[in-house]
C-alpha atoms as a PDB file:
ATOM      1  CA  MET A   1     129.665 153.700  88.971  1.00  0.00           C
ATOM      2  CA  ASN A   2     128.410 152.287  92.296  1.00  0.00           C
ATOM      3  CA  CYS A   3     124.951 151.348  92.316  1.00  0.00           C
ATOM      4  CA  CYS A   4     124.918 148.831  94.867  1.00  0.00           C
ATOM      5  CA  GLY A   5     123.039 145.863  92.814  1.00  0.00           C
ATOM      6  CA  GLU A   6     121.093 147.677  90.437  1.00  0.00           C
ATOM      7  CA  GLY A   7     123.433 147.328  87.716  1.00  0.00           C
ATOM      8  CA  LEU A   8     123.622 151.002  86.124  1.00  0.00           C
ATOM      9  CA  ALA A   9     126.439 151.876  84.456  1.00  0.00           C
ATOM     10  CA  ALA A  10     125.527 155.440  83.893  1.00  0.00           C
ATOM     11  CA  ARG A  11     127.811 158.618  85.469  1.00  0.00           C
ATOM     12  CA  ALA A  12     126.465 160.525  87.801  1.00  0.00           C
ATOM     13  CA  THR A  13     129.244 163.158  87.835  1.00  0.00           C
ATOM     14  CA  SER A  14     132.286 162.918  86.038  1.00  0.00           C
ATOM     15  CA  GLY A  15     135.993 162.579  86.776  1.00  0.00           C
ATOM     16  CA  ALA A  16     138.467 159.671  88.490  1.00  0.00           C
ATOM     17  CA  ALA A  17     137.263 157.695  90.995  1.00  0.00           C
ATOM     18  CA  VAL A  18     137.755 159.007  94.432  1.00  0.00           C
ATOM     19  CA  SER A  19     139.421 157.328  97.624  1.00  0.00           C
ATOM     20  CA  PRO A  20     136.732 156.084 100.595  1.00  0.00           C
ATOM     21  CA  LEU A  21     136.469 158.383 103.238  1.00  0.00           C
ATOM     22  CA  GLU A  22     137.866 157.257 106.441  1.00  0.00           C
ATOM     23  CA  TRP A  23     135.002 158.727 109.217  1.00  0.00           C
ATOM     24  CA  LYS A  24     135.908 159.821 112.782  1.00  0.00           C
ATOM     25  CA  PHE A  25     133.667 160.632 115.845  1.00  0.00           C
ATOM     26  CA  SER A  26     133.873 164.745 116.028  1.00  0.00           C
ATOM     27  CA  GLN A  27     131.097 165.708 118.995  1.00  0.00           C
ATOM     28  CA  VAL A  28     127.914 165.013 120.242  1.00  0.00           C
ATOM     29  CA  PHE A  29     125.444 167.301 122.006  1.00  0.00           C
ATOM     30  CA  GLY A  30     122.769 165.432 124.362  1.00  0.00           C
ATOM     31  CA  GLU A  31     124.103 162.340 124.661  1.00  0.00           C
ATOM     32  CA  ARG A  32     121.733 160.076 127.066  1.00  0.00           C
ATOM     33  CA  THR A  33     123.015 157.956 130.042  1.00  0.00           C
ATOM     34  CA  ALA A  34     122.356 154.605 130.095  1.00  0.00           C
ATOM     35  CA  GLY A  35     119.176 154.099 130.859  1.00  0.00           C
ATOM     36  CA  GLU A  36     118.079 157.469 130.686  1.00  0.00           C
ATOM     37  CA  GLU A  37     114.620 157.939 129.382  1.00  0.00           C
ATOM     38  CA  VAL A  38     113.803 160.841 126.425  1.00  0.00           C
ATOM     39  CA  GLU A  39     111.132 162.808 126.811  1.00  0.00           C
ATOM     40  CA  GLU A  40     109.010 162.868 123.310  1.00  0.00           C
ATOM     41  CA  VAL A  41     109.201 166.945 123.110  1.00  0.00           C
ATOM     42  CA  ASP A  42     113.191 166.459 122.982  1.00  0.00           C
ATOM     43  CA  VAL A  43     113.693 164.425 119.633  1.00  0.00           C
ATOM     44  CA  ILE A  44     114.894 166.025 117.366  1.00  0.00           C
ATOM     45  CA  SER A  45     113.140 166.325 114.286  1.00  0.00           C
ATOM     46  CA  ALA A  46     114.832 168.584 111.740  1.00  0.00           C
ATOM     47  CA  ILE A  47     118.709 169.511 110.867  1.00  0.00           C
ATOM     48  CA  GLU A  48     120.140 172.221 108.968  1.00  0.00           C
ATOM     49  CA  PHE A  49     123.871 174.095 107.887  1.00  0.00           C
ATOM     50  CA  ASP A  50     123.582 177.110 106.501  1.00  0.00           C
ATOM     51  CA  ARG A  51     125.144 177.942 103.260  1.00  0.00           C
ATOM     52  CA  THR A  52     128.503 178.580 104.922  1.00  0.00           C
ATOM     53  CA  GLY A  53     128.387 175.949 107.130  1.00  0.00           C
ATOM     54  CA  ASP A  54     129.764 178.225 110.478  1.00  0.00           C
ATOM     55  CA  HIS A  55     125.926 177.450 111.508  1.00  0.00           C
ATOM     56  CA  LEU A  56     123.565 174.559 112.167  1.00  0.00           C
ATOM     57  CA  ALA A  57     120.269 174.576 113.198  1.00  0.00           C
ATOM     58  CA  THR A  58     118.040 171.680 114.615  1.00  0.00           C
ATOM     59  CA  GLY A  59     114.203 171.221 115.539  1.00  0.00           C
ATOM     60  CA  ASP A  60     112.411 169.164 117.989  1.00  0.00           C
ATOM     61  CA  ARG A  61     109.010 167.798 118.536  1.00  0.00           C
ATOM     62  CA  GLY A  62     108.510 170.457 121.447  1.00  0.00           C
ATOM     63  CA  GLY A  63     108.466 173.309 118.685  1.00  0.00           C
ATOM     64  CA  ARG A  64     111.786 174.251 119.016  1.00  0.00           C
ATOM     65  CA  VAL A  65     115.173 175.663 117.340  1.00  0.00           C
ATOM     66  CA  VAL A  66     118.651 175.326 118.886  1.00  0.00           C
ATOM     67  CA  LEU A  67     121.317 176.712 117.074  1.00  0.00           C
ATOM     68  CA  PHE A  68     125.380 176.316 116.740  1.00  0.00           C
ATOM     69  CA  GLU A  69     127.740 178.184 115.897  1.00  0.00           C
ATOM     70  CA  ARG A  70     131.548 177.189 114.343  1.00  0.00           C
ATOM     71  CA  THR A  71     134.363 177.136 116.764  1.00  0.00           C
ATOM     72  CA  ASP A  72     137.028 176.294 114.872  1.00  0.00           C
ATOM     73  CA  ILE A  73     137.814 179.084 112.504  1.00  0.00           C
ATOM     74  CA  LYS A  74     137.349 181.906 114.931  1.00  0.00           C
ATOM     75  CA  ASP A  75     141.304 182.165 115.791  1.00  0.00           C
ATOM     76  CA  HIS A  76     142.114 182.308 111.949  1.00  0.00           C
ATOM     77  CA  GLY A  77     139.503 184.669 110.634  1.00  0.00           C
ATOM     78  CA  GLY A  78     138.765 182.842 107.594  1.00  0.00           C
ATOM     79  CA  HIS A  79     137.007 179.771 106.068  1.00  0.00           C
ATOM     80  CA  ARG A  80     139.078 176.499 106.065  1.00  0.00           C
ATOM     81  CA  ARG A  81     139.221 175.972 102.379  1.00  0.00           C
ATOM     82  CA  ASP A  82     140.559 179.765 101.949  1.00  0.00           C
ATOM     83  CA  LEU A  83     143.284 178.994 104.594  1.00  0.00           C
ATOM     84  CA  GLU A  84     144.146 176.022 103.029  1.00  0.00           C
ATOM     85  CA  ARG A  85     144.539 177.740  99.561  1.00  0.00           C
ATOM     86  CA  MET A  86     146.887 180.222 101.523  1.00  0.00           C
ATOM     87  CA  ASP A  87     148.820 176.897 102.536  1.00  0.00           C
ATOM     88  CA  TYR A  88     148.286 177.627 106.466  1.00  0.00           C
ATOM     89  CA  SER A  89     148.442 174.295 108.180  1.00  0.00           C
ATOM     90  CA  ILE A  90     145.335 172.985 109.872  1.00  0.00           C
ATOM     91  CA  SER A  91     145.251 169.942 112.043  1.00  0.00           C
ATOM     92  CA  GLY A  92     141.767 169.924 113.268  1.00  0.00           C
ATOM     93  CA  HIS A  93     138.503 169.685 112.070  1.00  0.00           C
ATOM     94  CA  PRO A  94     135.286 171.608 112.038  1.00  0.00           C
ATOM     95  CA  GLU A  95     133.563 171.943 115.756  1.00  0.00           C
ATOM     96  CA  PHE A  96     130.268 173.645 116.816  1.00  0.00           C
ATOM     97  CA  ARG A  97     129.254 174.950 120.468  1.00  0.00           C
ATOM     98  CA  TYR A  98     125.849 175.817 121.475  1.00  0.00           C
ATOM     99  CA  LYS A  99     124.665 179.202 120.825  1.00  0.00           C
ATOM    100  CA  THR A 100     121.185 179.975 121.336  1.00  0.00           C
ATOM    101  CA  GLU A 101     117.773 178.199 121.727  1.00  0.00           C
ATOM    102  CA  PHE A 102     113.927 179.854 121.097  1.00  0.00           C
ATOM    103  CA  GLN A 103     110.504 178.317 120.991  1.00  0.00           C
ATOM    104  CA  SER A 104     109.624 178.539 117.582  1.00  0.00           C
ATOM    105  CA  HIS A 105     106.046 176.644 117.836  1.00  0.00           C
ATOM    106  CA  GLU A 106     103.237 176.333 120.288  1.00  0.00           C
ATOM    107  CA  PRO A 107     100.393 173.781 119.960  1.00  0.00           C
ATOM    108  CA  LYS A 108      97.503 174.599 118.869  1.00  0.00           C
ATOM    109  CA  PHE A 109      93.790 173.870 117.824  1.00  0.00           C
ATOM    110  CA  ASP A 110      92.157 174.051 114.482  1.00  0.00           C
ATOM    111  CA  TYR A 111      88.539 174.885 114.987  1.00  0.00           C
ATOM    112  CA  LEU A 112      87.221 174.841 111.599  1.00  0.00           C
ATOM    113  CA  LYS A 113      88.842 171.524 110.858  1.00  0.00           C
ATOM    114  CA  SER A 114      88.642 169.951 114.237  1.00  0.00           C
ATOM    115  CA  LEU A 115      92.386 169.581 114.199  1.00  0.00           C
ATOM    116  CA  GLU A 116      95.417 169.820 116.545  1.00  0.00           C
ATOM    117  CA  ILE A 117      98.371 170.992 115.083  1.00  0.00           C
ATOM    118  CA  VAL A 118     101.254 169.778 117.001  1.00  0.00           C
ATOM    119  CA  GLU A 119     104.347 172.049 117.549  1.00  0.00           C
ATOM    120  CA  LYS A 120     106.698 169.593 116.103  1.00  0.00           C
ATOM    121  CA  ILE A 121     109.311 171.244 113.843  1.00  0.00           C
ATOM    122  CA  ASN A 122     109.331 169.283 110.395  1.00  0.00           C
ATOM    123  CA  LYS A 123     111.947 171.572 108.567  1.00  0.00           C
ATOM    124  CA  ILE A 124     114.345 174.278 108.414  1.00  0.00           C
ATOM    125  CA  ARG A 125     116.126 176.477 106.371  1.00  0.00           C
ATOM    126  CA  TRP A 126     118.542 179.226 106.062  1.00  0.00           C
ATOM    127  CA  CYS A 127     117.908 182.535 104.530  1.00  0.00           C
ATOM    128  CA  GLN A 128     120.864 185.082 103.482  1.00  0.00           C
ATOM    129  CA  THR A 129     122.470 186.725 106.169  1.00  0.00           C
ATOM    130  CA  ALA A 130     122.193 190.445 106.493  1.00  0.00           C
ATOM    131  CA  SER A 131     123.804 193.412 108.881  1.00  0.00           C
ATOM    132  CA  GLY A 132     125.577 190.007 110.936  1.00  0.00           C
ATOM    133  CA  ALA A 133     122.042 188.984 111.652  1.00  0.00           C
ATOM    134  CA  LEU A 134     121.196 185.199 110.915  1.00  0.00           C
ATOM    135  CA  PHE A 135     117.573 185.037 109.005  1.00  0.00           C
ATOM    136  CA  LEU A 136     115.856 181.213 108.624  1.00  0.00           C
ATOM    137  CA  LEU A 137     112.682 179.695 108.254  1.00  0.00           C
ATOM    138  CA  SER A 138     111.096 176.587 110.977  1.00  0.00           C
ATOM    139  CA  SER A 139     107.661 174.968 109.885  1.00  0.00           C
ATOM    140  CA  ASN A 140     105.194 172.859 112.164  1.00  0.00           C
ATOM    141  CA  ASP A 141     102.284 171.000 109.779  1.00  0.00           C
ATOM    142  CA  LYS A 142     100.830 174.502 109.749  1.00  0.00           C
ATOM    143  CA  THR A 143     102.701 177.649 110.213  1.00  0.00           C
ATOM    144  CA  ILE A 144     105.984 178.601 108.469  1.00  0.00           C
ATOM    145  CA  LYS A 145     107.737 181.549 110.507  1.00  0.00           C
ATOM    146  CA  TYR A 146     110.420 183.506 109.232  1.00  0.00           C
ATOM    147  CA  TRP A 147     113.083 184.131 111.853  1.00  0.00           C
ATOM    148  CA  LYS A 148     115.872 186.994 112.297  1.00  0.00           C
ATOM    149  CA  VAL A 149     118.502 185.808 115.033  1.00  0.00           C
ATOM    150  CA  ALA A 150     120.446 188.813 116.704  1.00  0.00           C
ATOM    151  CA  HIS A 151     120.687 190.746 119.700  1.00  0.00           C
ATOM    152  CA  ASN A 152     116.736 190.785 119.316  1.00  0.00           C
ATOM    153  CA  LYS A 153     114.671 188.178 118.051  1.00  0.00           C
ATOM    154  CA  THR A 154     111.615 188.642 115.620  1.00  0.00           C
ATOM    155  CA  ILE A 155     108.911 186.854 114.230  1.00  0.00           C
ATOM    156  CA  VAL A 156     107.627 187.447 110.628  1.00  0.00           C
ATOM    157  CA  GLN A 157     104.508 184.796 109.587  1.00  0.00           C
ATOM    158  CA  GLN A 158     103.871 184.413 106.261  1.00  0.00           C
ATOM    159  CA  THR A 159     102.087 181.684 103.432  1.00  0.00           C
ATOM    160  CA  LEU A 160     103.317 180.563 100.422  1.00  0.00           C
ATOM    161  CA  SER A 161     102.054 178.879  97.028  1.00  0.00           C
ATOM    162  CA  LEU A 162     103.032 175.807  95.755  1.00  0.00           C
ATOM    163  CA  PRO A 163     104.189 176.508  91.815  1.00  0.00           C
ATOM    164  CA  GLN A 164     102.989 174.170  89.343  1.00  0.00           C
ATOM    165  CA  TYR A 165     105.427 171.656  88.096  1.00  0.00           C
ATOM    166  CA  TYR A 166     108.036 172.160  85.198  1.00  0.00           C
ATOM    167  CA  SER A 167     109.311 168.453  85.310  1.00  0.00           C
ATOM    168  CA  LEU A 168     108.654 165.170  86.155  1.00  0.00           C
ATOM    169  CA  PHE A 169     111.124 162.592  87.118  1.00  0.00           C
ATOM    170  CA  GLU A 170     109.798 158.619  86.956  1.00  0.00           C
ATOM    171  CA  GLU A 171     111.018 156.015  87.205  1.00  0.00           C
ATOM    172  CA  GLN A 172     109.542 153.085  85.006  1.00  0.00           C
ATOM    173  CA  GLU A 173     108.027 150.071  86.685  1.00  0.00           C
ATOM    174  CA  VAL A 174     109.328 146.776  85.868  1.00  0.00           C
ATOM    175  CA  PRO A 175     106.411 144.567  84.318  1.00  0.00           C
ATOM    176  CA  GLY A 176     105.463 141.890  86.527  1.00  0.00           C
ATOM    177  CA  SER A 177     107.294 143.799  89.363  1.00  0.00           C
ATOM    178  CA  ARG A 178     104.208 144.614  91.236  1.00  0.00           C
ATOM    179  CA  SER A 179     103.498 143.945  94.621  1.00  0.00           C
ATOM    180  CA  PHE A 180     101.620 144.588  97.714  1.00  0.00           C
ATOM    181  CA  PHE A 181     104.377 147.126  99.326  1.00  0.00           C
ATOM    182  CA  ASN A 182     105.110 148.582  95.590  1.00  0.00           C
ATOM    183  CA  GLU A 183     103.437 151.795  95.488  1.00  0.00           C
ATOM    184  CA  ILE A 184     104.425 152.271  99.799  1.00  0.00           C
ATOM    185  CA  ILE A 185     108.237 151.666  99.777  1.00  0.00           C
ATOM    186  CA  ALA A 186     108.241 153.820  95.995  1.00  0.00           C
ATOM    187  CA  SER A 187     106.838 157.057  97.793  1.00  0.00           C
ATOM    188  CA  ILE A 188     109.818 159.922  98.013  1.00  0.00           C
ATOM    189  CA  SER A 189     110.422 161.063 101.430  1.00  0.00           C
ATOM    190  CA  ASP A 190     112.964 163.625 100.735  1.00  0.00           C
ATOM    191  CA  ILE A 191     114.598 165.749  97.815  1.00  0.00           C
ATOM    192  CA  LYS A 192     118.478 167.460  97.731  1.00  0.00           C
ATOM    193  CA  PHE A 193     119.678 169.489  94.724  1.00  0.00           C
ATOM    194  CA  ALA A 194     123.239 169.014  94.225  1.00  0.00           C
ATOM    195  CA  LYS A 195     125.670 172.223  94.114  1.00  0.00           C
ATOM    196  CA  ASN A 196     125.995 171.858  90.903  1.00  0.00           C
ATOM    197  CA  GLY A 197     122.950 172.318  90.039  1.00  0.00           C
ATOM    198  CA  ARG A 198     121.907 169.582  87.624  1.00  0.00           C
ATOM    199  CA  HIS A 199     121.408 166.320  89.955  1.00  0.00           C
ATOM    200  CA  ILE A 200     118.618 165.869  92.379  1.00  0.00           C
ATOM    201  CA  LEU A 201     118.905 163.167  95.368  1.00  0.00           C
ATOM    202  CA  SER A 202     115.412 161.243  96.215  1.00  0.00           C
ATOM    203  CA  ARG A 203     115.181 159.015  99.050  1.00  0.00           C
ATOM    204  CA  ASP A 204     112.440 156.456  99.209  1.00  0.00           C
ATOM    205  CA  TYR A 205     111.822 153.669 101.840  1.00  0.00           C
ATOM    206  CA  MET A 206     114.492 151.181 100.470  1.00  0.00           C
ATOM    207  CA  THR A 207     116.784 153.423  98.176  1.00  0.00           C
ATOM    208  CA  LEU A 208     118.717 156.325  97.036  1.00  0.00           C
ATOM    209  CA  LYS A 209     117.948 157.757  93.417  1.00  0.00           C
ATOM    210  CA  LEU A 210     120.240 160.502  92.156  1.00  0.00           C
ATOM    211  CA  TRP A 211     118.361 162.118  88.732  1.00  0.00           C
ATOM    212  CA  ASP A 212     120.335 164.010  85.857  1.00  0.00           C
ATOM    213  CA  ILE A 213     117.180 166.844  85.453  1.00  0.00           C
ATOM    214  CA  ASN A 214     118.516 166.335  81.376  1.00  0.00           C
ATOM    215  CA  MET A 215     117.337 162.849  81.946  1.00  0.00           C
ATOM    216  CA  ASP A 216     113.882 162.708  82.897  1.00  0.00           C
ATOM    217  CA  SER A 217     113.163 158.843  81.933  1.00  0.00           C
ATOM    218  CA  GLY A 218     114.878 157.381  84.913  1.00  0.00           C
ATOM    219  CA  PRO A 219     117.382 157.791  87.461  1.00  0.00           C
ATOM    220  CA  VAL A 220     121.325 157.549  86.554  1.00  0.00           C
ATOM    221  CA  ALA A 221     122.296 155.808  89.771  1.00  0.00           C
ATOM    222  CA  THR A 222     120.349 153.591  92.253  1.00  0.00           C
ATOM    223  CA  PHE A 223     121.644 152.928  96.030  1.00  0.00           C
ATOM    224  CA  GLN A 224     120.229 150.029  98.104  1.00  0.00           C
ATOM    225  CA  VAL A 225     120.128 151.566 102.028  1.00  0.00           C
ATOM    226  CA  HIS A 226     118.943 148.595 103.267  1.00  0.00           C
ATOM    227  CA  GLU A 227     117.734 146.044 100.682  1.00  0.00           C
ATOM    228  CA  HIS A 228     118.025 142.957 103.473  1.00  0.00           C
ATOM    229  CA  LEU A 229     115.000 144.389 105.059  1.00  0.00           C
ATOM    230  CA  ARG A 230     113.283 143.597 102.075  1.00  0.00           C
ATOM    231  CA  PRO A 231     111.906 139.909 102.716  1.00  0.00           C
ATOM    232  CA  LYS A 232     111.078 141.339 106.308  1.00  0.00           C
ATOM    233  CA  LEU A 233     108.199 144.214 104.790  1.00  0.00           C
ATOM    234  CA  CYS A 234     105.181 142.445 105.935  1.00  0.00           C
ATOM    235  CA  ASP A 235     106.659 142.980 109.593  1.00  0.00           C
ATOM    236  CA  LEU A 236     107.818 146.352 108.584  1.00  0.00           C
ATOM    237  CA  TYR A 237     103.996 147.323 107.263  1.00  0.00           C
ATOM    238  CA  GLU A 238     102.323 145.516 110.324  1.00  0.00           C
ATOM    239  CA  ASN A 239     104.617 147.803 112.643  1.00  0.00           C
ATOM    240  CA  ASP A 240     104.519 150.681 110.685  1.00  0.00           C
ATOM    241  CA  SER A 241     108.141 150.931 110.330  1.00  0.00           C
ATOM    242  CA  ILE A 242     107.644 151.082 106.421  1.00  0.00           C
ATOM    243  CA  PHE A 243     105.953 154.292 106.417  1.00  0.00           C
ATOM    244  CA  ASP A 244     109.193 156.072 108.389  1.00  0.00           C
ATOM    245  CA  LYS A 245     110.096 158.886 106.181  1.00  0.00           C
ATOM    246  CA  PHE A 246     114.314 159.237 105.730  1.00  0.00           C
ATOM    247  CA  GLU A 247     115.903 162.581 104.899  1.00  0.00           C
ATOM    248  CA  CYS A 248     118.780 162.169 102.605  1.00  0.00           C
ATOM    249  CA  CYS A 249     121.583 164.800 101.755  1.00  0.00           C
ATOM    250  CA  LEU A 250     125.030 165.183  99.632  1.00  0.00           C
ATOM    251  CA  SER A 251     128.213 166.103 100.281  1.00  0.00           C
ATOM    252  CA  GLY A 252     129.786 169.390  98.848  1.00  0.00           C
ATOM    253  CA  ASP A 253     131.966 168.024  95.983  1.00  0.00           C
ATOM    254  CA  GLY A 254     129.105 165.907  95.003  1.00  0.00           C
ATOM    255  CA  HIS A 255     131.386 163.401  95.017  1.00  0.00           C
ATOM    256  CA  ARG A 256     128.984 161.355  97.667  1.00  0.00           C
ATOM    257  CA  VAL A 257     125.540 160.974  99.380  1.00  0.00           C
ATOM    258  CA  ALA A 258     124.344 159.885 102.566  1.00  0.00           C
ATOM    259  CA  THR A 259     121.049 159.220 104.242  1.00  0.00           C
ATOM    260  CA  GLY A 260     119.977 156.857 107.418  1.00  0.00           C
ATOM    261  CA  SER A 261     118.563 153.418 108.586  1.00  0.00           C
ATOM    262  CA  TYR A 262     117.547 151.709 111.263  1.00  0.00           C
ATOM    263  CA  SER A 263     119.621 151.137 114.700  1.00  0.00           C
ATOM    264  CA  ASN A 264     120.679 154.260 114.590  1.00  0.00           C
ATOM    265  CA  LEU A 265     123.307 153.406 111.473  1.00  0.00           C
ATOM    266  CA  PHE A 266     123.653 156.061 108.637  1.00  0.00           C
ATOM    267  CA  ARG A 267     125.074 154.970 105.293  1.00  0.00           C
ATOM    268  CA  VAL A 268     127.497 156.960 102.837  1.00  0.00           C
ATOM    269  CA  PHE A 269     127.868 156.177  99.055  1.00  0.00           C
ATOM    270  CA  GLY A 270     130.286 157.101  96.454  1.00  0.00           C
ATOM    271  CA  CYS A 271     128.288 158.584  93.476  1.00  0.00           C
ATOM    272  CA  SER A 272     131.673 159.575  91.323  1.00  0.00           C
ATOM    273  CA  GLU A 273     132.857 157.584  88.218  1.00  0.00           C
ATOM    274  CA  GLY A 274     133.930 153.843  89.102  1.00  0.00           C
ATOM    275  CA  SER A 275     133.360 154.607  92.997  1.00  0.00           C
ATOM    276  CA  THR A 276     132.562 151.469  95.257  1.00  0.00           C
ATOM    277  CA  GLU A 277     132.216 153.015  98.409  1.00  0.00           C
ATOM    278  CA  ALA A 278     129.657 152.127 100.671  1.00  0.00           C
ATOM    279  CA  THR A 279     130.238 152.595 104.159  1.00  0.00           C
ATOM    280  CA  THR A 280     127.753 151.875 107.283  1.00  0.00           C
ATOM    281  CA  LEU A 281     128.229 153.930 110.100  1.00  0.00           C
ATOM    282  CA  GLU A 282     126.600 153.724 113.631  1.00  0.00           C
ATOM    283  CA  ALA A 283     125.421 157.368 115.516  1.00  0.00           C
ATOM    284  CA  SER A 284     127.620 156.553 118.700  1.00  0.00           C
ATOM    285  CA  LYS A 285     131.312 157.553 119.795  1.00  0.00           C
ATOM    286  CA  ASN A 286     132.730 154.867 118.034  1.00  0.00           C
ATOM    287  CA  PRO A 287     131.001 154.912 114.819  1.00  0.00           C
ATOM    288  CA  LEU A 288     132.647 152.086 112.811  1.00  0.00           C
ATOM    289  CA  ARG A 289     131.537 149.266 115.409  1.00  0.00           C
ATOM    290  CA  ARG A 290     129.157 147.959 113.195  1.00  0.00           C
ATOM    291  CA  GLN A 291     129.687 147.060 109.684  1.00  0.00           C
ATOM    292  CA  VAL A 292     127.276 145.863 107.112  1.00  0.00           C
ATOM    293  CA  GLN A 293     127.697 144.251 103.783  1.00  0.00           C
ATOM    294  CA  THR A 294     124.698 145.326 100.868  1.00  0.00           C
ATOM    295  CA  PRO A 295     123.623 142.095  99.890  1.00  0.00           C
ATOM    296  CA  ALA A 296     122.080 141.416  95.961  1.00  0.00           C
ATOM    297  CA  ARG A 297     118.537 141.795  95.972  1.00  0.00           C
ATOM    298  CA  PRO A 298     116.425 138.659  96.510  1.00  0.00           C
ATOM    299  CA  SER A 299     115.563 136.500  93.539  1.00  0.00           C
ATOM    300  CA  ARG A 300     112.288 135.455  95.614  1.00  0.00           C
ATOM    301  CA  SER A 301     109.110 137.254  94.807  1.00  0.00           C
ATOM    302  CA  LEU A 302     106.878 138.669  97.384  1.00  0.00           C
ATOM    303  CA  GLY A 303     103.958 136.572  95.746  1.00  0.00           C
ATOM    304  CA  ASN A 304     100.806 137.985  95.038  1.00  0.00           C
ATOM    305  CA  LEU A 305      98.629 140.544  96.779  1.00  0.00           C
ATOM    306  CA  ARG A 306      96.397 137.715  98.540  1.00  0.00           C
ATOM    307  CA  ARG A 307      99.345 135.786  99.831  1.00  0.00           C
ATOM    308  CA  VAL A 308     101.152 138.657 101.081  1.00  0.00           C
ATOM    309  CA  ARG A 309      98.486 139.743 102.885  1.00  0.00           C
ATOM    310  CA  ARG A 310      97.960 136.463 104.312  1.00  0.00           C
ATOM    311  CA  ARG A 311     101.818 136.654 105.677  1.00  0.00           C
ATOM    312  CA  CYS A 312     101.391 140.300 107.457  1.00  0.00           C
ATOM    313  CA  ASN A 313      97.768 138.573 109.268  1.00  0.00           C
ATOM    314  CA  ILE A 314     100.266 136.633 111.125  1.00  0.00           C
ATOM    315  CA  LYS A 315     100.929 137.623 114.833  1.00  0.00           C
ATOM    316  CA  GLY A 316     104.372 138.427 116.094  1.00  0.00           C
ATOM    317  CA  ALA A 317     105.302 140.699 113.941  1.00  0.00           C
ATOM    318  CA  ASP A 318     108.833 142.079 116.045  1.00  0.00           C
ATOM    319  CA  ASN A 319     111.354 145.276 115.585  1.00  0.00           C
ATOM    320  CA  SER A 320     114.020 143.093 115.378  1.00  0.00           C
ATOM    321  CA  GLY A 321     115.908 141.998 112.294  1.00  0.00           C
ATOM    322  CA  ALA A 322     119.246 141.178 111.175  1.00  0.00           C
ATOM    323  CA  ASP A 323     121.805 142.179 108.202  1.00  0.00           C
ATOM    324  CA  ALA A 324     123.969 140.723 105.901  1.00  0.00           C
ATOM    325  CA  ASN A 325     126.559 139.983 108.947  1.00  0.00           C
ATOM    326  CA  GLY A 326     123.754 138.760 111.435  1.00  0.00           C
ATOM    327  CA  ASN A 327     124.149 142.451 113.123  1.00  0.00           C
ATOM    328  CA  SER A 328     120.992 142.668 114.806  1.00  0.00           C
ATOM    329  CA  PHE A 329     118.649 145.756 113.952  1.00  0.00           C
ATOM    330  CA  ASP A 330     116.149 147.608 116.291  1.00  0.00           C
ATOM    331  CA  PHE A 331     113.638 149.136 114.081  1.00  0.00           C
ATOM    332  CA  THR A 332     112.789 151.392 116.994  1.00  0.00           C
ATOM    333  CA  LYS A 333     115.700 153.096 116.702  1.00  0.00           C
ATOM    334  CA  ARG A 334     115.223 155.660 113.633  1.00  0.00           C
ATOM    335  CA  LEU A 335     118.442 157.655 112.085  1.00  0.00           C
ATOM    336  CA  ILE A 336     115.987 159.611 109.933  1.00  0.00           C
ATOM    337  CA  TYR A 337     117.442 163.639 109.802  1.00  0.00           C
ATOM    338  CA  LEU A 338     121.191 164.329 108.736  1.00  0.00           C
ATOM    339  CA  ALA A 339     122.913 167.146 107.258  1.00  0.00           C
ATOM    340  CA  TRP A 340     126.316 167.633 105.534  1.00  0.00           C
ATOM    341  CA  HIS A 341     128.186 170.383 105.936  1.00  0.00           C
ATOM    342  CA  PRO A 342     128.118 172.668 102.430  1.00  0.00           C
ATOM    343  CA  SER A 343     131.926 172.357 101.802  1.00  0.00           C
ATOM    344  CA  GLU A 344     133.569 170.184 104.774  1.00  0.00           C
ATOM    345  CA  ASP A 345     133.641 166.180 104.996  1.00  0.00           C
ATOM    346  CA  LEU A 346     131.470 167.043 108.261  1.00  0.00           C
ATOM    347  CA  ILE A 347     128.094 164.652 108.444  1.00  0.00           C
ATOM    348  CA  ALA A 348     125.425 165.820 111.435  1.00  0.00           C
ATOM    349  CA  CYS A 349     122.559 163.867 112.345  1.00  0.00           C
ATOM    350  CA  ALA A 350     120.436 163.081 114.887  1.00  0.00           C
ATOM    351  CA  ALA A 351     119.661 159.721 117.223  1.00  0.00           C
ATOM    352  CA  SER A 352     116.545 160.809 119.134  1.00  0.00           C
ATOM    353  CA  ASN A 353     117.520 163.581 121.212  1.00  0.00           C
ATOM    354  CA  SER A 354     121.358 163.456 120.840  1.00  0.00           C
ATOM    355  CA  LEU A 355     122.881 165.159 118.105  1.00  0.00           C
ATOM    356  CA  TYR A 356     126.285 163.194 116.736  1.00  0.00           C
ATOM    357  CA  MET A 357     129.093 165.222 114.114  1.00  0.00           C
ATOM    358  CA  TYR A 358     131.104 162.806 112.580  1.00  0.00           C
ATOM    359  CA  TYR A 359     134.281 164.080 109.940  1.00  0.00           C
ATOM    360  CA  ALA A 360     136.847 162.254 107.538  1.00  0.00           C
END
């Protein structure tokens, strides 16, 4: 099991080690030209495949939902995996095209709380299809809307209540390891269930963690996403980057996990037994342009609270850094949103207003 510096030996998924994938650029929608400025309302804020993988939805900060549909199976009348089982030769890879878009949310003002509710789409979730229509949920900070997408679009709003928790999964803190930043970087920003229903993937600021629902004492595997940034936590706190909420995803077969980082980079880790796969890709037409090694955990402590605060008060905190290979990092280019196709090795990710897709 590859745990990227954590030294865990527990098995996350059974079976022989899986060879690393070779990722290639597939498509891009909304690519910017050199020097083109992006409107804030056009920045993508949510990505989600439906359960079949034939449809993809994105949401943006302008409250819009954009739908894409798969095109490479239309001529063959079946899903790729079904055709492969019938020894049908397919040389291509999943491809999508624009289908439609609609305005899901509008900015509103809550006069009772004197609070402005922005139209930004925070989450999209697909529901079961029926009678040839597509159904999905979209939400902003206040309202969840239920959409039916067919020849005519209808809207139903509903309020959801939160259930009581059944199990609590928590990693125990190592004695003497507490610092000013511990609670911030340990805050979970996203979780995903694996298809097998047994494993949960979580993302905090520095790591991905894979949990077994039958083991609540701690994660079975931990993957370091950008450990080389740990010495720069003061700078990241100063420019608020430490509060960025990255999402995560799993492959349909459960052998790999993925999440984003800075400079429009995202990382793919193998989580089957014996895997050492740890690939860094860039959201561009040349995804392998930058290769980042994952260094070991720094041995130097950040010091006590007083020392950390003194360091953080130093003026001139920048928005750049460097990885283990000397590649510069741009903290203003965050790759936060990404999704893995449910049955294919295809990842869709957002870099500002651009939607990139990669296959293996």
